[in-house]
Amino acid sequence: QVQLVESGGGLVETGGSLRLSCVISGSIFSVEAMAWYRQAPGKQRELVAELNSDSSTNYAESVKGRFTITGDPAKTTGNLQMNSLKPEDTGVYYCGATLKVTGASPSMFYWGQGTQVTASS
């Protein structure tokens, strides 16, 4: 079994910071990419930040300059540092990863359970 477990969510005031963590466990052969998504109630889930297989990164325009995605060399642990939080950043944040399970050829995408982030005005 593969698990992605997020932690670090919580309630902060506007302008505050949070650091989210994602830990991937299981019989993992390789993690190709890791990403963070968020979803506000009644809204579509959106990509916030991604860490690609070549270690390049991509961010949603709305978080550029405020959020930073990092990961260990194997991408089995990752973080999303969120600074200067705004009310519109509020939502459930999900870790996702494209990975291969040991003994299985195809890469698959896996979701974490999500962690709530609330930035109050």
N, C-alpha and C. Protein backbone atom coordinates (compact mmCIF):
# COMPACT_ATOMS: atom_id res chain seq x y z
N GLN A 1 0.82 -1.18 0.00
CA GLN A 1 0.00 0.00 0.00
C GLN A 1 0.87 1.26 0.00
N VAL A 2 0.35 2.29 -0.61
CA VAL A 2 1.01 3.57 -0.69
C VAL A 2 0.19 4.58 0.09
N GLN A 3 0.86 5.36 0.88
CA GLN A 3 0.20 6.42 1.61
C GLN A 3 0.94 7.73 1.44
N LEU A 4 0.18 8.79 1.26
CA LEU A 4 0.69 10.14 1.28
C LEU A 4 -0.01 10.84 2.44
N VAL A 5 0.75 11.31 3.39
CA VAL A 5 0.19 11.92 4.58
C VAL A 5 0.66 13.35 4.69
N GLU A 6 -0.30 14.27 4.67
CA GLU A 6 0.00 15.69 4.83
C GLU A 6 -0.12 16.08 6.30
N SER A 7 0.61 17.09 6.65
CA SER A 7 0.50 17.66 7.98
C SER A 7 0.91 19.13 7.92
N GLY A 8 0.60 19.85 8.96
CA GLY A 8 1.03 21.23 9.06
C GLY A 8 -0.04 22.27 8.81
N GLY A 9 -1.23 21.83 8.43
CA GLY A 9 -2.30 22.79 8.22
C GLY A 9 -2.77 23.39 9.52
N GLY A 10 -3.51 24.46 9.40
CA GLY A 10 -4.02 25.11 10.60
C GLY A 10 -4.62 26.45 10.28
N LEU A 11 -4.82 27.21 11.32
CA LEU A 11 -5.43 28.53 11.23
C LEU A 11 -4.37 29.59 11.48
N VAL A 12 -4.26 30.52 10.55
CA VAL A 12 -3.34 31.64 10.70
C VAL A 12 -4.04 32.92 10.32
N GLU A 13 -3.49 34.01 10.78
CA GLU A 13 -4.00 35.31 10.39
C GLU A 13 -3.40 35.73 9.06
N THR A 14 -4.10 36.62 8.39
CA THR A 14 -3.59 37.17 7.14
C THR A 14 -2.16 37.67 7.34
N GLY A 15 -1.29 37.29 6.41
CA GLY A 15 0.11 37.66 6.51
C GLY A 15 0.98 36.65 7.21
N GLY A 16 0.37 35.64 7.81
CA GLY A 16 1.11 34.62 8.51
C GLY A 16 1.66 33.56 7.58
N SER A 17 2.31 32.57 8.19
CA SER A 17 2.97 31.52 7.44
C SER A 17 2.61 30.15 7.97
N LEU A 18 2.63 29.18 7.09
CA LEU A 18 2.49 27.77 7.44
C LEU A 18 3.44 26.96 6.58
N ARG A 19 3.86 25.84 7.12
CA ARG A 19 4.70 24.91 6.38
C ARG A 19 4.00 23.56 6.36
N LEU A 20 3.59 23.13 5.18
CA LEU A 20 2.95 21.84 5.01
C LEU A 20 4.00 20.79 4.68
N SER A 21 3.77 19.58 5.16
CA SER A 21 4.66 18.47 4.87
C SER A 21 3.87 17.33 4.26
N CYS A 22 4.53 16.59 3.40
CA CYS A 22 3.95 15.40 2.78
C CYS A 22 4.96 14.28 2.89
N VAL A 23 4.55 13.19 3.49
CA VAL A 23 5.41 12.03 3.64
C VAL A 23 4.79 10.86 2.89
N ILE A 24 5.55 10.28 2.00
CA ILE A 24 5.10 9.15 1.21
C ILE A 24 5.70 7.87 1.78
N SER A 25 4.85 6.90 2.03
CA SER A 25 5.31 5.63 2.56
C SER A 25 4.76 4.48 1.73
N GLY A 26 5.40 3.34 1.86
CA GLY A 26 5.02 2.17 1.11
C GLY A 26 6.22 1.62 0.37
N SER A 27 5.95 0.65 -0.45
CA SER A 27 7.01 0.04 -1.25
C SER A 27 7.17 0.85 -2.54
N ILE A 28 7.95 1.90 -2.44
CA ILE A 28 8.08 2.86 -3.52
C ILE A 28 9.37 2.61 -4.29
N PHE A 29 9.23 2.45 -5.59
CA PHE A 29 10.40 2.33 -6.44
C PHE A 29 10.98 3.70 -6.77
N SER A 30 10.12 4.61 -7.16
CA SER A 30 10.57 5.96 -7.48
C SER A 30 9.38 6.91 -7.43
N VAL A 31 9.68 8.14 -7.07
CA VAL A 31 8.70 9.21 -7.12
C VAL A 31 9.13 10.16 -8.23
N GLU A 32 8.30 10.31 -9.22
CA GLU A 32 8.68 11.10 -10.38
C GLU A 32 8.41 12.59 -10.17
N ALA A 33 7.34 12.89 -9.49
CA ALA A 33 6.98 14.29 -9.28
C ALA A 33 6.08 14.40 -8.07
N MET A 34 6.13 15.54 -7.44
CA MET A 34 5.27 15.82 -6.31
C MET A 34 4.62 17.18 -6.54
N ALA A 35 3.39 17.30 -6.10
CA ALA A 35 2.67 18.55 -6.30
C ALA A 35 1.75 18.81 -5.13
N TRP A 36 1.37 20.05 -5.01
CA TRP A 36 0.37 20.47 -4.04
C TRP A 36 -0.81 21.09 -4.77
N TYR A 37 -1.99 20.69 -4.38
CA TYR A 37 -3.24 21.22 -4.89
C TYR A 37 -4.04 21.78 -3.72
N ARG A 38 -4.99 22.62 -4.04
CA ARG A 38 -5.90 23.09 -3.01
C ARG A 38 -7.31 23.19 -3.57
N GLN A 39 -8.27 23.10 -2.67
CA GLN A 39 -9.66 23.17 -3.06
C GLN A 39 -10.45 23.90 -1.99
N ALA A 40 -11.08 24.97 -2.39
CA ALA A 40 -11.99 25.70 -1.51
C ALA A 40 -13.40 25.16 -1.70
N PRO A 41 -14.25 25.27 -0.69
CA PRO A 41 -15.63 24.78 -0.83
C PRO A 41 -16.32 25.37 -2.04
N GLY A 42 -16.92 24.51 -2.85
CA GLY A 42 -17.62 24.96 -4.03
C GLY A 42 -16.74 25.33 -5.20
N LYS A 43 -15.45 25.13 -5.07
CA LYS A 43 -14.52 25.49 -6.13
C LYS A 43 -13.81 24.25 -6.67
N GLN A 44 -13.26 24.40 -7.86
CA GLN A 44 -12.48 23.33 -8.45
C GLN A 44 -11.13 23.21 -7.76
N ARG A 45 -10.65 21.99 -7.69
CA ARG A 45 -9.31 21.79 -7.18
C ARG A 45 -8.30 22.38 -8.17
N GLU A 46 -7.32 23.09 -7.65
CA GLU A 46 -6.35 23.75 -8.50
C GLU A 46 -4.93 23.39 -8.10
N LEU A 47 -4.07 23.38 -9.08
CA LEU A 47 -2.66 23.15 -8.84
C LEU A 47 -2.05 24.39 -8.22
N VAL A 48 -1.33 24.19 -7.13
CA VAL A 48 -0.67 25.28 -6.44
C VAL A 48 0.81 25.31 -6.77
N ALA A 49 1.46 24.17 -6.66
CA ALA A 49 2.90 24.09 -6.89
C ALA A 49 3.26 22.67 -7.26
N GLU A 50 4.26 22.53 -8.09
CA GLU A 50 4.72 21.20 -8.46
C GLU A 50 6.24 21.16 -8.52
N LEU A 51 6.76 20.00 -8.16
CA LEU A 51 8.17 19.71 -8.22
C LEU A 51 8.33 18.55 -9.19
N ASN A 52 8.96 18.82 -10.31
CA ASN A 52 9.01 17.87 -11.40
C ASN A 52 10.21 16.92 -11.28
N SER A 53 10.23 15.94 -12.17
CA SER A 53 11.28 14.93 -12.11
C SER A 53 12.67 15.50 -12.34
N ASP A 54 12.75 16.59 -13.08
CA ASP A 54 14.03 17.24 -13.32
C ASP A 54 14.35 18.30 -12.27
N SER A 55 13.55 18.34 -11.21
CA SER A 55 13.68 19.27 -10.09
C SER A 55 13.24 20.69 -10.42
N SER A 56 12.70 20.90 -11.59
CA SER A 56 12.13 22.20 -11.90
C SER A 56 10.82 22.36 -11.12
N THR A 57 10.41 23.59 -10.95
CA THR A 57 9.19 23.88 -10.20
C THR A 57 8.26 24.74 -11.02
N ASN A 58 7.00 24.68 -10.65
CA ASN A 58 5.98 25.49 -11.29
C ASN A 58 4.98 25.91 -10.23
N TYR A 59 4.52 27.14 -10.31
CA TYR A 59 3.60 27.68 -9.32
C TYR A 59 2.41 28.34 -9.99
N ALA A 60 1.28 28.25 -9.33
CA ALA A 60 0.15 29.04 -9.75
C ALA A 60 0.51 30.52 -9.64
N GLU A 61 0.02 31.30 -10.57
CA GLU A 61 0.34 32.72 -10.59
C GLU A 61 -0.02 33.40 -9.27
N SER A 62 -1.09 32.95 -8.65
CA SER A 62 -1.57 33.59 -7.44
C SER A 62 -0.67 33.39 -6.23
N VAL A 63 0.24 32.41 -6.30
CA VAL A 63 1.09 32.13 -5.15
C VAL A 63 2.56 32.39 -5.43
N LYS A 64 2.89 32.79 -6.63
CA LYS A 64 4.29 33.06 -6.97
C LYS A 64 4.87 34.11 -6.04
N GLY A 65 6.07 33.82 -5.57
CA GLY A 65 6.73 34.74 -4.66
C GLY A 65 6.36 34.56 -3.21
N ARG A 66 5.32 33.76 -2.95
CA ARG A 66 4.87 33.55 -1.57
C ARG A 66 5.03 32.10 -1.12
N PHE A 67 4.86 31.15 -2.04
CA PHE A 67 4.94 29.73 -1.71
C PHE A 67 6.20 29.13 -2.32
N THR A 68 6.75 28.15 -1.63
CA THR A 68 7.92 27.44 -2.13
C THR A 68 7.75 25.95 -1.90
N ILE A 69 7.90 25.16 -2.95
CA ILE A 69 7.83 23.72 -2.82
C ILE A 69 9.25 23.16 -2.80
N THR A 70 9.48 22.21 -1.89
CA THR A 70 10.76 21.54 -1.79
C THR A 70 10.53 20.06 -1.56
N GLY A 71 11.57 19.28 -1.80
CA GLY A 71 11.50 17.85 -1.56
C GLY A 71 12.89 17.29 -1.34
N ASP A 72 12.93 16.14 -0.69
CA ASP A 72 14.21 15.47 -0.53
C ASP A 72 14.59 14.86 -1.88
N PRO A 73 15.82 14.36 -2.01
CA PRO A 73 16.24 13.86 -3.32
C PRO A 73 15.34 12.79 -3.92
N ALA A 74 14.78 11.94 -3.09
CA ALA A 74 13.90 10.88 -3.56
C ALA A 74 12.45 11.33 -3.69
N LYS A 75 12.14 12.55 -3.23
CA LYS A 75 10.79 13.09 -3.25
C LYS A 75 9.82 12.28 -2.41
N THR A 76 10.31 11.52 -1.47
CA THR A 76 9.43 10.80 -0.57
C THR A 76 8.98 11.66 0.60
N THR A 77 9.64 12.78 0.80
CA THR A 77 9.17 13.80 1.71
C THR A 77 9.22 15.13 0.98
N GLY A 78 8.23 15.93 1.20
CA GLY A 78 8.16 17.22 0.55
C GLY A 78 7.51 18.23 1.46
N ASN A 79 7.69 19.48 1.10
CA ASN A 79 7.16 20.56 1.91
C ASN A 79 6.63 21.66 1.01
N LEU A 80 5.68 22.37 1.53
CA LEU A 80 5.19 23.58 0.91
C LEU A 80 5.25 24.69 1.94
N GLN A 81 6.18 25.59 1.76
CA GLN A 81 6.29 26.75 2.64
C GLN A 81 5.37 27.84 2.11
N MET A 82 4.47 28.30 2.93
CA MET A 82 3.49 29.29 2.54
C MET A 82 3.67 30.53 3.40
N ASN A 83 4.01 31.62 2.76
CA ASN A 83 4.22 32.88 3.45
C ASN A 83 3.21 33.91 2.96
N SER A 84 3.06 34.95 3.75
CA SER A 84 2.16 36.06 3.40
C SER A 84 0.78 35.56 3.00
N LEU A 85 0.23 34.70 3.83
CA LEU A 85 -1.04 34.06 3.51
C LEU A 85 -2.18 35.07 3.44
N LYS A 86 -3.07 34.81 2.51
CA LYS A 86 -4.24 35.65 2.28
C LYS A 86 -5.50 34.83 2.50
N PRO A 87 -6.62 35.48 2.78
CA PRO A 87 -7.88 34.73 2.94
C PRO A 87 -8.20 33.84 1.75
N GLU A 88 -7.87 34.28 0.55
CA GLU A 88 -8.16 33.49 -0.63
C GLU A 88 -7.29 32.24 -0.75
N ASP A 89 -6.30 32.09 0.12
CA ASP A 89 -5.51 30.87 0.18
C ASP A 89 -6.21 29.76 0.96
N THR A 90 -7.30 30.09 1.61
CA THR A 90 -8.01 29.13 2.44
C THR A 90 -8.54 27.96 1.61
N GLY A 91 -8.38 26.77 2.13
CA GLY A 91 -8.89 25.59 1.46
C GLY A 91 -8.23 24.34 2.01
N VAL A 92 -8.62 23.22 1.46
CA VAL A 92 -7.98 21.96 1.79
C VAL A 92 -6.82 21.76 0.83
N TYR A 93 -5.66 21.55 1.36
CA TYR A 93 -4.46 21.36 0.56
C TYR A 93 -4.13 19.88 0.48
N TYR A 94 -3.91 19.41 -0.73
CA TYR A 94 -3.64 18.01 -0.99
C TYR A 94 -2.26 17.82 -1.59
N CYS A 95 -1.56 16.87 -1.07
CA CYS A 95 -0.32 16.43 -1.69
C CYS A 95 -0.65 15.37 -2.74
N GLY A 96 0.00 15.45 -3.85
CA GLY A 96 -0.13 14.44 -4.89
C GLY A 96 1.22 14.07 -5.44
N ALA A 97 1.36 12.85 -5.88
CA ALA A 97 2.64 12.40 -6.41
C ALA A 97 2.43 11.39 -7.51
N THR A 98 3.27 11.49 -8.50
CA THR A 98 3.36 10.48 -9.54
C THR A 98 4.50 9.55 -9.18
N LEU A 99 4.21 8.28 -9.00
CA LEU A 99 5.23 7.36 -8.52
C LEU A 99 5.03 5.97 -9.07
N LYS A 100 6.06 5.18 -8.93
CA LYS A 100 6.02 3.77 -9.27
C LYS A 100 6.17 2.94 -8.01
N VAL A 101 5.28 1.99 -7.85
CA VAL A 101 5.39 1.03 -6.77
C VAL A 101 6.38 -0.06 -7.18
N THR A 102 7.16 -0.51 -6.23
CA THR A 102 8.12 -1.58 -6.51
C THR A 102 7.42 -2.79 -7.12
N GLY A 103 7.93 -3.23 -8.25
CA GLY A 103 7.36 -4.38 -8.92
C GLY A 103 6.27 -4.07 -9.92
N ALA A 104 5.87 -2.82 -10.00
CA ALA A 104 4.84 -2.39 -10.93
C ALA A 104 5.43 -1.42 -11.94
N SER A 105 5.21 -1.70 -13.20
CA SER A 105 5.81 -0.88 -14.25
C SER A 105 5.20 0.50 -14.42
N PRO A 106 3.85 0.61 -14.47
CA PRO A 106 3.29 1.93 -14.76
C PRO A 106 3.42 2.91 -13.60
N SER A 107 3.65 4.15 -13.95
CA SER A 107 3.55 5.21 -12.96
C SER A 107 2.09 5.54 -12.72
N MET A 108 1.77 5.87 -11.49
CA MET A 108 0.41 6.24 -11.13
C MET A 108 0.43 7.47 -10.25
N PHE A 109 -0.69 8.17 -10.25
CA PHE A 109 -0.83 9.35 -9.43
C PHE A 109 -1.59 9.01 -8.15
N TYR A 110 -1.07 9.46 -7.03
CA TYR A 110 -1.67 9.20 -5.72
C TYR A 110 -1.94 10.51 -5.00
N TRP A 111 -3.04 10.52 -4.26
CA TRP A 111 -3.44 11.68 -3.47
C TRP A 111 -3.25 11.41 -1.99
N GLY A 112 -2.90 12.46 -1.28
CA GLY A 112 -2.98 12.43 0.17
C GLY A 112 -4.40 12.74 0.62
N GLN A 113 -4.61 12.73 1.92
CA GLN A 113 -5.96 12.92 2.45
C GLN A 113 -6.35 14.38 2.57
N GLY A 114 -5.40 15.26 2.51
CA GLY A 114 -5.66 16.68 2.60
C GLY A 114 -5.49 17.22 4.01
N THR A 115 -5.15 18.48 4.07
CA THR A 115 -5.04 19.18 5.34
C THR A 115 -5.62 20.58 5.19
N GLN A 116 -6.38 21.00 6.17
CA GLN A 116 -7.08 22.28 6.09
C GLN A 116 -6.14 23.44 6.39
N VAL A 117 -6.21 24.44 5.54
CA VAL A 117 -5.49 25.69 5.75
C VAL A 117 -6.52 26.81 5.76
N THR A 118 -6.50 27.60 6.81
CA THR A 118 -7.41 28.72 6.91
C THR A 118 -6.62 29.98 7.24
N ALA A 119 -6.75 30.97 6.39
CA ALA A 119 -6.14 32.27 6.62
C ALA A 119 -7.27 33.27 6.87
N SER A 120 -7.34 33.76 8.07
CA SER A 120 -8.42 34.65 8.45
C SER A 120 -8.05 36.10 8.18
N SER A 121 -9.06 36.87 7.89
CA SER A 121 -8.85 38.30 7.64
C SER A 121 -8.87 39.08 8.94
